[in-house]
Amino acid sequence: MAARRALKAVLVDLNGTLHVEDSAVPGAQEALKRQVCPLFFFLGLLWEVVSVLFAQRSGLRSAPVTVRFVTNTTKESKRDLLERLTGLGFDIAEHEIFTSLTAARNLLEQQQVRPLLLVDDKALPDFTGIGTDNPNAVVVGLAPEHFHYEMMNRAFRLILDGAPLIAIHKARYFKKKDGLCLGPGPFVTGLEYATDTKATVVGKPEKTFFLEALRGTDCAPEEAVMIGDDCRDDVGGAQQAGMRGILVRTGKYRPADEDKINPAPYLTCENFPEAVEHILKQML
C-alpha cells in the first residue's frame, strides 16, 4: 500500500459535529482555537516538537493545515449560519464555509434554469438574483413548511413536463435537540419514484462537493481528512473521494453506524475534540 501523503487540509462538518442547533458540542470551541504559545515559534522550534509537547492543549488552527467547514444544511443562509457559529464562540470566517446551497446555486447558474425552490425561507438569501418566475427546474432542500401535498404535486408536475430534479442533498435524517428528524432524502426519493426520474445531487456525499470544498487549498484529496457525524454523507463520501474520514459519536451518530459503510471509517472518535487530538498527535 502506498504511503499516505502529508496532511494539508481538514474538512469539518458543522451541525452534529461542532454544534446541535444553538448548543456547541462540549469542548469544540477550544479544540478549534489557535492556542500554541508563539514563543516556541520565535525560538525556532520545529512544529513536530511543538505538536508532541502541546497536542492536548493545542487547537486545530495551531496545526499547519487549511481548515474548511462543509455542511449540507439548507435551513439557513450562509450568513445566518456564520452568525450562529460566531455566537456560539467559534472562530470561523465566512470564506471558510462551503455549503450545499452554494453548490446548488453554482449548478443553477451553469444550467441557466429557473427553479421552484423547496428550501427553508431562511435559506433564500443564498439564491438572490436567481430567477424563479415560471420555473423550469425543481430544487429540493430541507423545507418542512413546503413539504405538503399541493407543493409536492406542483413539483411532481414540473418534473413530468421535463424539469430537472436537483437535490441539495438526500440525507435520511438529521439531529435536533429533541431527537432525530426526517431529512430531505425521503421527499426527493418520493419525487424520483413518482416521476421515474433520477435527481442530480449536489451536496455530500457527492465527490464533486468534496472536490469543490478543496478548491483553492492547493490540496489533493489524499492530503485531506473529513470529520463528521454522518457515516454515509460525511465519512463515506469523503473516503470515496480519496480522503480519510473520522466519524464522531455526536449529533446523528447511532451505535454501529461505522459498520454501514465500506471501507470503514479511518477512525471513530467520541467527539470533535478527540478527533482533533488524534490529528495533532498522529497525522502531522
C-alpha atoms as a PDB file:
ATOM      1  CA  MET A   1       0.000   0.000   0.000  1.00  0.00           C
ATOM      2  CA  ALA A   2       1.335   3.430  -0.959  1.00  0.00           C
ATOM      3  CA  ALA A   3       2.314   5.710   1.890  1.00  0.00           C
ATOM      4  CA  ARG A   4      -0.139   8.443   2.761  1.00  0.00           C
ATOM      5  CA  ARG A   5       0.816  11.963   1.784  1.00  0.00           C
ATOM      6  CA  ALA A   6       1.295  14.627   4.455  1.00  0.00           C
ATOM      7  CA  LEU A   7      -1.916  16.121   5.789  1.00  0.00           C
ATOM      8  CA  LYS A   8      -2.659  19.571   4.368  1.00  0.00           C
ATOM      9  CA  ALA A   9      -6.386  20.128   4.936  1.00  0.00           C
ATOM     10  CA  VAL A  10      -9.117  19.253   7.414  1.00  0.00           C
ATOM     11  CA  LEU A  11     -12.780  19.423   6.405  1.00  0.00           C
ATOM     12  CA  VAL A  12     -15.187  19.740   9.324  1.00  0.00           C
ATOM     13  CA  ASP A  13     -18.924  19.134   9.312  1.00  0.00           C
ATOM     14  CA  LEU A  14     -20.979  21.616  11.319  1.00  0.00           C
ATOM     15  CA  ASN A  15     -24.362  20.532  12.720  1.00  0.00           C
ATOM     16  CA  GLY A  16     -23.873  17.407  14.791  1.00  0.00           C
ATOM     17  CA  THR A  17     -20.084  17.767  14.835  1.00  0.00           C
ATOM     18  CA  LEU A  18     -19.384  21.272  16.183  1.00  0.00           C
ATOM     19  CA  HIS A  19     -22.895  22.054  17.388  1.00  0.00           C
ATOM     20  CA  VAL A  20     -26.513  20.861  17.559  1.00  0.00           C
ATOM     21  CA  GLU A  21     -28.786  23.809  16.792  1.00  0.00           C
ATOM     22  CA  ASP A  22     -27.808  26.528  19.318  1.00  0.00           C
ATOM     23  CA  SER A  23     -25.678  24.316  21.575  1.00  0.00           C
ATOM     24  CA  ALA A  24     -21.985  23.708  20.933  1.00  0.00           C
ATOM     25  CA  VAL A  25     -20.528  20.232  21.344  1.00  0.00           C
ATOM     26  CA  PRO A  26     -18.638  20.421  24.672  1.00  0.00           C
ATOM     27  CA  GLY A  27     -15.030  21.455  24.138  1.00  0.00           C
ATOM     28  CA  ALA A  28     -15.459  22.076  20.411  1.00  0.00           C
ATOM     29  CA  GLN A  29     -14.573  25.794  20.510  1.00  0.00           C
ATOM     30  CA  GLU A  30     -11.345  25.140  22.392  1.00  0.00           C
ATOM     31  CA  ALA A  31     -10.427  22.248  20.092  1.00  0.00           C
ATOM     32  CA  LEU A  32     -10.635  24.589  17.112  1.00  0.00           C
ATOM     33  CA  LYS A  33      -8.815  27.616  18.544  1.00  0.00           C
ATOM     34  CA  ARG A  34      -5.184  28.564  17.930  1.00  0.00           C
ATOM     35  CA  GLN A  35      -3.609  28.045  21.360  1.00  0.00           C
ATOM     36  CA  VAL A  36       0.083  27.187  20.988  1.00  0.00           C
ATOM     37  CA  CYS A  37       2.339  29.783  22.603  1.00  0.00           C
ATOM     38  CA  PRO A  38       4.042  31.841  19.865  1.00  0.00           C
ATOM     39  CA  LEU A  39       7.269  31.924  21.911  1.00  0.00           C
ATOM     40  CA  PHE A  40       8.117  28.453  20.649  1.00  0.00           C
ATOM     41  CA  PHE A  41       7.950  29.612  17.057  1.00  0.00           C
ATOM     42  CA  PHE A  42      10.085  32.641  17.917  1.00  0.00           C
ATOM     43  CA  LEU A  43      12.711  30.261  19.286  1.00  0.00           C
ATOM     44  CA  GLY A  44      12.629  28.376  16.004  1.00  0.00           C
ATOM     45  CA  LEU A  45      11.444  25.028  17.342  1.00  0.00           C
ATOM     46  CA  LEU A  46      10.059  22.650  14.759  1.00  0.00           C
ATOM     47  CA  TRP A  47       6.295  22.098  14.542  1.00  0.00           C
ATOM     48  CA  GLU A  48       6.776  18.382  15.174  1.00  0.00           C
ATOM     49  CA  VAL A  49       8.256  19.092  18.594  1.00  0.00           C
ATOM     50  CA  VAL A  50       5.507  21.551  19.478  1.00  0.00           C
ATOM     51  CA  SER A  51       2.753  19.156  18.406  1.00  0.00           C
ATOM     52  CA  VAL A  52       4.118  16.391  20.627  1.00  0.00           C
ATOM     53  CA  LEU A  53       4.589  18.590  23.685  1.00  0.00           C
ATOM     54  CA  PHE A  54       1.363  20.568  23.405  1.00  0.00           C
ATOM     55  CA  ALA A  55      -1.100  18.406  21.420  1.00  0.00           C
ATOM     56  CA  GLN A  56      -3.571  18.176  24.279  1.00  0.00           C
ATOM     57  CA  ARG A  57      -3.610  21.973  24.751  1.00  0.00           C
ATOM     58  CA  SER A  58      -3.484  22.995  21.104  1.00  0.00           C
ATOM     59  CA  GLY A  59      -6.399  23.726  18.838  1.00  0.00           C
ATOM     60  CA  LEU A  60      -6.729  22.562  15.259  1.00  0.00           C
ATOM     61  CA  ARG A  61      -5.830  26.030  13.968  1.00  0.00           C
ATOM     62  CA  SER A  62      -2.405  25.666  15.571  1.00  0.00           C
ATOM     63  CA  ALA A  63      -1.580  22.975  13.013  1.00  0.00           C
ATOM     64  CA  PRO A  64      -0.046  23.749   9.584  1.00  0.00           C
ATOM     65  CA  VAL A  65      -3.231  22.737   7.775  1.00  0.00           C
ATOM     66  CA  THR A  66      -6.062  24.515   5.969  1.00  0.00           C
ATOM     67  CA  VAL A  67      -9.422  24.197   7.732  1.00  0.00           C
ATOM     68  CA  ARG A  68     -12.704  24.276   5.827  1.00  0.00           C
ATOM     69  CA  PHE A  69     -16.218  23.846   7.187  1.00  0.00           C
ATOM     70  CA  VAL A  70     -18.555  21.872   4.940  1.00  0.00           C
ATOM     71  CA  THR A  71     -22.252  21.448   5.516  1.00  0.00           C
ATOM     72  CA  ASN A  72     -25.397  20.150   3.885  1.00  0.00           C
ATOM     73  CA  THR A  73     -27.600  22.484   5.888  1.00  0.00           C
ATOM     74  CA  THR A  74     -30.415  24.107   3.945  1.00  0.00           C
ATOM     75  CA  LYS A  75     -32.218  25.536   6.977  1.00  0.00           C
ATOM     76  CA  GLU A  76     -30.478  28.924   6.818  1.00  0.00           C
ATOM     77  CA  SER A  77     -28.276  31.074   4.624  1.00  0.00           C
ATOM     78  CA  LYS A  78     -24.505  31.055   4.940  1.00  0.00           C
ATOM     79  CA  ARG A  79     -24.592  34.459   6.651  1.00  0.00           C
ATOM     80  CA  ASP A  80     -27.155  33.307   9.236  1.00  0.00           C
ATOM     81  CA  LEU A  81     -25.136  30.139   9.792  1.00  0.00           C
ATOM     82  CA  LEU A  82     -21.993  32.172  10.375  1.00  0.00           C
ATOM     83  CA  GLU A  83     -23.803  34.376  12.892  1.00  0.00           C
ATOM     84  CA  ARG A  84     -24.997  31.275  14.731  1.00  0.00           C
ATOM     85  CA  LEU A  85     -21.475  29.826  14.878  1.00  0.00           C
ATOM     86  CA  THR A  86     -19.754  33.037  15.968  1.00  0.00           C
ATOM     87  CA  GLY A  87     -22.464  33.498  18.581  1.00  0.00           C
ATOM     88  CA  LEU A  88     -21.509  30.095  19.968  1.00  0.00           C
ATOM     89  CA  GLY A  89     -17.899  31.215  20.247  1.00  0.00           C
ATOM     90  CA  PHE A  90     -16.412  29.585  17.155  1.00  0.00           C
ATOM     91  CA  ASP A  91     -13.561  31.354  15.354  1.00  0.00           C
ATOM     92  CA  ILE A  92     -14.768  30.915  11.764  1.00  0.00           C
ATOM     93  CA  ALA A  93     -14.662  33.198   8.722  1.00  0.00           C
ATOM     94  CA  GLU A  94     -17.343  33.219   6.020  1.00  0.00           C
ATOM     95  CA  HIS A  95     -14.911  32.245   3.252  1.00  0.00           C
ATOM     96  CA  GLU A  96     -14.045  29.065   5.182  1.00  0.00           C
ATOM     97  CA  ILE A  97     -17.614  27.742   4.925  1.00  0.00           C
ATOM     98  CA  PHE A  98     -18.707  25.732   1.890  1.00  0.00           C
ATOM     99  CA  THR A  99     -22.375  24.766   1.840  1.00  0.00           C
ATOM    100  CA  SER A 100     -24.570  22.601  -0.338  1.00  0.00           C
ATOM    101  CA  LEU A 101     -26.613  25.765  -1.003  1.00  0.00           C
ATOM    102  CA  THR A 102     -23.532  27.262  -2.666  1.00  0.00           C
ATOM    103  CA  ALA A 103     -23.099  24.116  -4.745  1.00  0.00           C
ATOM    104  CA  ALA A 104     -26.771  24.229  -5.766  1.00  0.00           C
ATOM    105  CA  ARG A 105     -26.575  27.874  -6.791  1.00  0.00           C
ATOM    106  CA  ASN A 106     -23.465  27.160  -8.868  1.00  0.00           C
ATOM    107  CA  LEU A 107     -25.333  24.410 -10.729  1.00  0.00           C
ATOM    108  CA  LEU A 108     -28.380  26.609 -11.348  1.00  0.00           C
ATOM    109  CA  GLU A 109     -26.173  29.298 -12.822  1.00  0.00           C
ATOM    110  CA  GLN A 110     -24.365  26.773 -15.003  1.00  0.00           C
ATOM    111  CA  GLN A 111     -27.622  25.290 -16.327  1.00  0.00           C
ATOM    112  CA  GLN A 112     -29.350  28.705 -16.588  1.00  0.00           C
ATOM    113  CA  VAL A 113     -32.658  27.390 -15.234  1.00  0.00           C
ATOM    114  CA  ARG A 114     -35.416  28.967 -13.137  1.00  0.00           C
ATOM    115  CA  PRO A 115     -36.011  26.824 -10.050  1.00  0.00           C
ATOM    116  CA  LEU A 116     -39.008  26.034  -7.929  1.00  0.00           C
ATOM    117  CA  LEU A 117     -37.140  26.333  -4.632  1.00  0.00           C
ATOM    118  CA  LEU A 118     -38.273  23.896  -1.959  1.00  0.00           C
ATOM    119  CA  VAL A 119     -35.953  25.257   0.707  1.00  0.00           C
ATOM    120  CA  ASP A 120     -36.420  26.942   4.057  1.00  0.00           C
ATOM    121  CA  ASP A 121     -37.270  30.630   3.702  1.00  0.00           C
ATOM    122  CA  LYS A 122     -34.163  31.442   5.766  1.00  0.00           C
ATOM    123  CA  ALA A 123     -32.016  29.910   3.020  1.00  0.00           C
ATOM    124  CA  LEU A 124     -33.453  32.069   0.219  1.00  0.00           C
ATOM    125  CA  PRO A 125     -30.821  34.852   0.540  1.00  0.00           C
ATOM    126  CA  ASP A 126     -28.260  32.413  -0.874  1.00  0.00           C
ATOM    127  CA  PHE A 127     -30.297  32.371  -4.114  1.00  0.00           C
ATOM    128  CA  THR A 128     -30.612  36.141  -4.503  1.00  0.00           C
ATOM    129  CA  GLY A 129     -30.520  37.051  -8.189  1.00  0.00           C
ATOM    130  CA  ILE A 130     -31.657  33.618  -9.389  1.00  0.00           C
ATOM    131  CA  GLY A 131     -34.872  33.966 -11.410  1.00  0.00           C
ATOM    132  CA  THR A 132     -37.779  31.857 -10.155  1.00  0.00           C
ATOM    133  CA  ASP A 133     -40.700  33.070 -12.319  1.00  0.00           C
ATOM    134  CA  ASN A 134     -42.267  30.370 -14.476  1.00  0.00           C
ATOM    135  CA  PRO A 135     -39.951  27.666 -13.051  1.00  0.00           C
ATOM    136  CA  ASN A 136     -38.452  25.001 -15.276  1.00  0.00           C
ATOM    137  CA  ALA A 137     -36.434  23.154 -12.620  1.00  0.00           C
ATOM    138  CA  VAL A 138     -37.122  21.770  -9.138  1.00  0.00           C
ATOM    139  CA  VAL A 139     -34.662  22.207  -6.262  1.00  0.00           C
ATOM    140  CA  VAL A 140     -35.292  20.317  -3.025  1.00  0.00           C
ATOM    141  CA  GLY A 141     -33.614  21.015   0.303  1.00  0.00           C
ATOM    142  CA  LEU A 142     -34.924  20.727   3.848  1.00  0.00           C
ATOM    143  CA  ALA A 143     -38.208  22.650   3.817  1.00  0.00           C
ATOM    144  CA  PRO A 144     -40.755  21.212   6.261  1.00  0.00           C
ATOM    145  CA  GLU A 145     -43.212  24.073   5.654  1.00  0.00           C
ATOM    146  CA  HIS A 146     -43.202  23.295   1.908  1.00  0.00           C
ATOM    147  CA  PHE A 147     -43.487  19.508   2.113  1.00  0.00           C
ATOM    148  CA  HIS A 148     -47.276  19.390   1.748  1.00  0.00           C
ATOM    149  CA  TYR A 149     -49.407  17.821  -0.959  1.00  0.00           C
ATOM    150  CA  GLU A 150     -50.040  20.930  -3.067  1.00  0.00           C
ATOM    151  CA  MET A 151     -46.372  21.917  -3.281  1.00  0.00           C
ATOM    152  CA  MET A 152     -45.109  18.388  -3.809  1.00  0.00           C
ATOM    153  CA  ASN A 153     -47.694  17.879  -6.532  1.00  0.00           C
ATOM    154  CA  ARG A 154     -46.584  21.094  -8.228  1.00  0.00           C
ATOM    155  CA  ALA A 155     -43.013  19.814  -8.214  1.00  0.00           C
ATOM    156  CA  PHE A 156     -44.216  16.435  -9.490  1.00  0.00           C
ATOM    157  CA  ARG A 157     -45.958  18.028 -12.481  1.00  0.00           C
ATOM    158  CA  LEU A 158     -42.975  20.208 -13.357  1.00  0.00           C
ATOM    159  CA  ILE A 159     -40.699  17.174 -13.384  1.00  0.00           C
ATOM    160  CA  LEU A 160     -43.157  15.223 -15.539  1.00  0.00           C
ATOM    161  CA  ASP A 161     -43.007  18.125 -18.008  1.00  0.00           C
ATOM    162  CA  GLY A 162     -39.242  17.776 -18.228  1.00  0.00           C
ATOM    163  CA  ALA A 163     -37.911  19.970 -15.418  1.00  0.00           C
ATOM    164  CA  PRO A 164     -34.677  18.604 -13.922  1.00  0.00           C
ATOM    165  CA  LEU A 165     -34.867  17.494 -10.287  1.00  0.00           C
ATOM    166  CA  ILE A 166     -31.964  18.864  -8.229  1.00  0.00           C
ATOM    167  CA  ALA A 167     -31.476  17.610  -4.679  1.00  0.00           C
ATOM    168  CA  ILE A 168     -29.364  19.850  -2.490  1.00  0.00           C
ATOM    169  CA  HIS A 169     -28.714  16.635  -0.591  1.00  0.00           C
ATOM    170  CA  LYS A 170     -30.508  13.366   0.214  1.00  0.00           C
ATOM    171  CA  ALA A 171     -29.854  12.957   3.930  1.00  0.00           C
ATOM    172  CA  ARG A 172     -32.202  10.459   5.529  1.00  0.00           C
ATOM    173  CA  TYR A 173     -32.391  12.350   8.820  1.00  0.00           C
ATOM    174  CA  PHE A 174     -30.682  14.974  10.953  1.00  0.00           C
ATOM    175  CA  LYS A 175     -30.345  15.749  14.653  1.00  0.00           C
ATOM    176  CA  LYS A 176     -32.285  18.343  16.634  1.00  0.00           C
ATOM    177  CA  LYS A 177     -32.271  18.845  20.380  1.00  0.00           C
ATOM    178  CA  ASP A 178     -35.469  16.821  20.770  1.00  0.00           C
ATOM    179  CA  GLY A 179     -34.306  13.901  18.611  1.00  0.00           C
ATOM    180  CA  LEU A 180     -33.802  12.749  15.027  1.00  0.00           C
ATOM    181  CA  CYS A 181     -35.923  14.309  12.263  1.00  0.00           C
ATOM    182  CA  LEU A 182     -36.632  13.416   8.647  1.00  0.00           C
ATOM    183  CA  GLY A 183     -34.236  14.980   6.164  1.00  0.00           C
ATOM    184  CA  PRO A 184     -34.985  15.890   2.526  1.00  0.00           C
ATOM    185  CA  GLY A 185     -33.883  12.487   1.233  1.00  0.00           C
ATOM    186  CA  PRO A 186     -37.246  10.725   1.664  1.00  0.00           C
ATOM    187  CA  PHE A 187     -39.047  13.563  -0.164  1.00  0.00           C
ATOM    188  CA  VAL A 188     -36.542  13.577  -3.024  1.00  0.00           C
ATOM    189  CA  THR A 189     -36.853   9.800  -3.289  1.00  0.00           C
ATOM    190  CA  GLY A 190     -40.641  10.117  -3.412  1.00  0.00           C
ATOM    191  CA  LEU A 191     -40.415  12.520  -6.356  1.00  0.00           C
ATOM    192  CA  GLU A 192     -37.909  10.219  -8.077  1.00  0.00           C
ATOM    193  CA  TYR A 193     -40.246   7.253  -7.654  1.00  0.00           C
ATOM    194  CA  ALA A 194     -43.363   9.103  -8.812  1.00  0.00           C
ATOM    195  CA  THR A 195     -41.714  10.608 -11.903  1.00  0.00           C
ATOM    196  CA  ASP A 196     -39.329   7.747 -12.776  1.00  0.00           C
ATOM    197  CA  THR A 197     -36.530  10.345 -12.685  1.00  0.00           C
ATOM    198  CA  LYS A 198     -33.125  10.402 -11.027  1.00  0.00           C
ATOM    199  CA  ALA A 199     -32.219  13.563  -9.108  1.00  0.00           C
ATOM    200  CA  THR A 200     -28.925  15.366  -9.519  1.00  0.00           C
ATOM    201  CA  VAL A 201     -27.432  15.568  -6.017  1.00  0.00           C
ATOM    202  CA  VAL A 202     -25.045  18.455  -5.315  1.00  0.00           C
ATOM    203  CA  GLY A 203     -24.213  18.134  -1.596  1.00  0.00           C
ATOM    204  CA  LYS A 204     -22.473  15.491   0.458  1.00  0.00           C
ATOM    205  CA  PRO A 205     -21.756  12.618  -0.211  1.00  0.00           C
ATOM    206  CA  GLU A 206     -21.128  13.570  -3.849  1.00  0.00           C
ATOM    207  CA  LYS A 207     -17.461  13.505  -4.871  1.00  0.00           C
ATOM    208  CA  THR A 208     -17.799  16.825  -6.695  1.00  0.00           C
ATOM    209  CA  PHE A 209     -18.908  18.518  -3.454  1.00  0.00           C
ATOM    210  CA  PHE A 210     -15.740  17.484  -1.627  1.00  0.00           C
ATOM    211  CA  LEU A 211     -13.527  18.459  -4.550  1.00  0.00           C
ATOM    212  CA  GLU A 212     -15.202  21.891  -4.731  1.00  0.00           C
ATOM    213  CA  ALA A 213     -14.649  22.331  -0.989  1.00  0.00           C
ATOM    214  CA  LEU A 214     -10.920  21.763  -1.529  1.00  0.00           C
ATOM    215  CA  ARG A 215     -10.704  24.226  -4.407  1.00  0.00           C
ATOM    216  CA  GLY A 216      -8.148  26.931  -3.689  1.00  0.00           C
ATOM    217  CA  THR A 217      -6.440  24.974  -0.895  1.00  0.00           C
ATOM    218  CA  ASP A 218      -3.667  23.532  -3.096  1.00  0.00           C
ATOM    219  CA  CYS A 219      -4.547  20.207  -1.535  1.00  0.00           C
ATOM    220  CA  ALA A 220      -5.290  16.839  -3.158  1.00  0.00           C
ATOM    221  CA  PRO A 221      -7.973  14.579  -1.634  1.00  0.00           C
ATOM    222  CA  GLU A 222      -5.266  12.206  -0.395  1.00  0.00           C
ATOM    223  CA  GLU A 223      -3.888  15.078   1.671  1.00  0.00           C
ATOM    224  CA  ALA A 224      -7.179  15.805   3.451  1.00  0.00           C
ATOM    225  CA  VAL A 225      -9.289  14.347   6.240  1.00  0.00           C
ATOM    226  CA  MET A 226     -13.017  14.836   6.904  1.00  0.00           C
ATOM    227  CA  ILE A 227     -14.556  14.931  10.398  1.00  0.00           C
ATOM    228  CA  GLY A 228     -18.313  14.367  10.683  1.00  0.00           C
ATOM    229  CA  ASP A 229     -21.198  12.661  12.455  1.00  0.00           C
ATOM    230  CA  ASP A 230     -22.841  11.168   9.336  1.00  0.00           C
ATOM    231  CA  CYS A 231     -21.236   7.859   8.417  1.00  0.00           C
ATOM    232  CA  ARG A 232     -22.551   7.903   4.832  1.00  0.00           C
ATOM    233  CA  ASP A 233     -22.633  11.546   3.788  1.00  0.00           C
ATOM    234  CA  ASP A 234     -19.587  12.829   5.707  1.00  0.00           C
ATOM    235  CA  VAL A 235     -17.215   9.903   6.105  1.00  0.00           C
ATOM    236  CA  GLY A 236     -18.307   7.578   3.317  1.00  0.00           C
ATOM    237  CA  GLY A 237     -18.492  10.387   0.765  1.00  0.00           C
ATOM    238  CA  ALA A 238     -15.101  11.785   1.749  1.00  0.00           C
ATOM    239  CA  GLN A 239     -13.428   8.397   1.584  1.00  0.00           C
ATOM    240  CA  GLN A 240     -14.930   7.682  -1.825  1.00  0.00           C
ATOM    241  CA  ALA A 241     -13.391  10.988  -2.923  1.00  0.00           C
ATOM    242  CA  GLY A 242      -9.960   9.819  -1.758  1.00  0.00           C
ATOM    243  CA  MET A 243      -9.795  11.420   1.689  1.00  0.00           C
ATOM    244  CA  ARG A 244      -9.625   9.860   5.111  1.00  0.00           C
ATOM    245  CA  GLY A 245     -12.749  10.080   7.259  1.00  0.00           C
ATOM    246  CA  ILE A 246     -13.149  10.429  11.008  1.00  0.00           C
ATOM    247  CA  LEU A 247     -16.594   9.606  12.396  1.00  0.00           C
ATOM    248  CA  VAL A 248     -17.643  11.251  15.664  1.00  0.00           C
ATOM    249  CA  ARG A 249     -20.203   9.799  18.071  1.00  0.00           C
ATOM    250  CA  THR A 250     -22.184  13.033  18.423  1.00  0.00           C
ATOM    251  CA  GLY A 251     -25.126  14.529  16.528  1.00  0.00           C
ATOM    252  CA  LYS A 252     -26.963  11.977  14.385  1.00  0.00           C
ATOM    253  CA  TYR A 253     -24.498   9.163  15.158  1.00  0.00           C
ATOM    254  CA  ARG A 254     -26.130   5.887  16.163  1.00  0.00           C
ATOM    255  CA  PRO A 255     -24.438   2.747  17.509  1.00  0.00           C
ATOM    256  CA  ALA A 256     -22.834   0.592  14.795  1.00  0.00           C
ATOM    257  CA  ASP A 257     -23.025   3.367  12.169  1.00  0.00           C
ATOM    258  CA  GLU A 258     -19.369   2.667  11.372  1.00  0.00           C
ATOM    259  CA  ASP A 259     -20.402  -0.772  10.085  1.00  0.00           C
ATOM    260  CA  LYS A 260     -22.719   0.743   7.445  1.00  0.00           C
ATOM    261  CA  ILE A 261     -20.007   1.857   5.007  1.00  0.00           C
ATOM    262  CA  ASN A 262     -17.218   0.087   3.152  1.00  0.00           C
ATOM    263  CA  PRO A 263     -14.419   0.873   3.604  1.00  0.00           C
ATOM    264  CA  ALA A 264     -14.990   1.530   7.289  1.00  0.00           C
ATOM    265  CA  PRO A 265     -14.076   4.933   8.711  1.00  0.00           C
ATOM    266  CA  TYR A 266     -10.377   5.623   9.061  1.00  0.00           C
ATOM    267  CA  LEU A 267     -11.158   6.332  12.720  1.00  0.00           C
ATOM    268  CA  THR A 268     -14.137   6.688  15.065  1.00  0.00           C
ATOM    269  CA  CYS A 269     -13.869   9.177  17.953  1.00  0.00           C
ATOM    270  CA  GLU A 270     -16.167  10.185  20.777  1.00  0.00           C
ATOM    271  CA  ASN A 271     -16.329  13.817  19.660  1.00  0.00           C
ATOM    272  CA  PHE A 272     -14.625  16.619  17.738  1.00  0.00           C
ATOM    273  CA  PRO A 273     -12.032  17.412  20.445  1.00  0.00           C
ATOM    274  CA  GLU A 274     -10.889  13.791  20.442  1.00  0.00           C
ATOM    275  CA  ALA A 275     -10.637  13.827  16.646  1.00  0.00           C
ATOM    276  CA  VAL A 276      -8.512  16.988  16.782  1.00  0.00           C
ATOM    277  CA  GLU A 277      -6.246  15.435  19.400  1.00  0.00           C
ATOM    278  CA  HIS A 278      -5.680  12.431  17.126  1.00  0.00           C
ATOM    279  CA  ILE A 279      -4.849  14.676  14.168  1.00  0.00           C
ATOM    280  CA  LEU A 280      -2.345  16.712  16.172  1.00  0.00           C
ATOM    281  CA  LYS A 281      -0.646  13.629  17.632  1.00  0.00           C
ATOM    282  CA  GLN A 282      -0.845  11.095  14.815  1.00  0.00           C
ATOM    283  CA  MET A 283      -1.455  12.706  11.414  1.00  0.00           C
ATOM    284  CA  LEU A 284       1.038  15.578  11.105  1.00  0.00           C
END
